[in-house]
Protein backbone atom coordinates (compact mmCIF):
# COMPACT_ATOMS: atom_id res chain seq x y z
CA MET A 1 -182.43 60.02 -68.99
CA SER A 2 -185.64 60.05 -67.08
CA PHE A 3 -185.85 61.46 -63.63
CA GLU A 4 -185.66 57.86 -62.28
CA GLN A 5 -182.52 57.15 -64.05
CA ASP A 6 -180.93 60.51 -62.86
CA LEU A 7 -181.76 59.53 -59.14
CA ARG A 8 -180.25 56.25 -59.52
CA ARG A 9 -176.96 57.73 -61.31
CA LEU A 10 -176.71 60.09 -58.44
CA ASP A 11 -176.90 57.22 -55.95
CA VAL A 12 -174.07 55.59 -57.95
CA ILE A 13 -171.95 58.72 -58.21
CA ALA A 14 -172.54 59.47 -54.53
CA THR A 15 -171.20 55.69 -53.50
CA GLU A 16 -168.20 56.09 -55.89
CA LEU A 17 -167.14 59.27 -54.30
CA GLU A 18 -167.93 58.09 -50.70
CA ARG A 19 -165.56 54.87 -51.37
CA GLY A 20 -162.58 57.38 -51.68
CA ASP A 21 -160.78 55.10 -54.01
CA LEU A 22 -161.00 57.28 -57.21
CA SER A 23 -158.01 59.40 -58.36
CA LEU A 24 -158.54 63.28 -57.88
CA GLU A 25 -159.18 63.71 -61.58
CA ASP A 26 -161.90 60.86 -61.72
CA ALA A 27 -163.36 62.38 -58.51
CA LEU A 28 -163.63 65.82 -60.07
CA ALA A 29 -165.26 64.20 -62.96
CA ARG A 30 -167.98 62.33 -60.86
CA PHE A 31 -168.51 65.56 -59.24
CA GLU A 32 -169.01 67.48 -62.14
CA GLU A 33 -171.30 64.77 -63.58
CA GLY A 34 -173.26 64.89 -60.41
CA ILE A 35 -173.89 68.25 -60.37
CA ALA A 36 -175.09 68.53 -63.94
CA THR A 37 -177.29 65.34 -63.15
CA LEU A 38 -178.68 66.99 -59.99
CA ARG A 39 -179.44 70.17 -62.02
CA ARG A 40 -181.20 68.00 -64.80
CA ALA A 41 -183.16 66.11 -62.07
CA SER A 42 -184.07 69.54 -60.01
CA GLU A 43 -185.39 70.85 -63.49
CA ALA A 44 -187.58 67.73 -64.19
CA LEU A 45 -189.04 67.71 -60.61
CA THR A 46 -189.71 71.50 -61.10
CA ALA A 47 -191.46 70.82 -64.35
CA ALA A 48 -193.51 68.10 -63.13
CA GLU A 49 -194.62 70.10 -59.83
CA GLY A 50 -195.79 72.70 -62.27
CA ARG A 51 -198.07 70.28 -63.90
CA VAL A 52 -199.50 68.49 -60.80
CA THR A 53 -203.23 69.33 -60.50
CA ARG A 54 -205.90 67.43 -58.71
CA LEU A 55 -209.43 66.72 -59.89
CA VAL A 56 -212.04 67.17 -57.47
CA GLU A 57 -215.52 66.27 -57.99
CA GLU A 58 -217.86 68.87 -57.33
CA ALA A 59 -221.59 68.50 -55.95
CA ASP A 60 -222.99 68.39 -59.52
CA GLY A 61 -220.65 65.65 -60.62
CA ALA A 62 -218.23 68.05 -62.76
CA LEU A 63 -214.69 67.88 -62.28
CA ALA A 64 -212.59 70.84 -61.36
CA GLU A 65 -209.01 71.35 -61.68
CA HIS A 66 -207.10 72.89 -58.62
CA ASP A 67 -203.48 73.64 -58.41
CA VAL A 68 -201.86 71.15 -55.41
CA ASP A 69 -201.10 74.32 -53.35
CA GLY A 70 -204.53 75.69 -53.80
């Protein structure tokens, strides 16, 4: 699943849990799925943050790569 798909699935899971009409077994299954989905989305976000850079054009026209935090 993509990061965006994971976020949409988390939204569906949260809605289902908030409704409160699931059996205990189904609620636990959704909760477990939510935790796994959240971990996967968090890992994807961490990986993406690690790759994010910005290009800055320097005075001579050369492009320099800088970390977002830098």
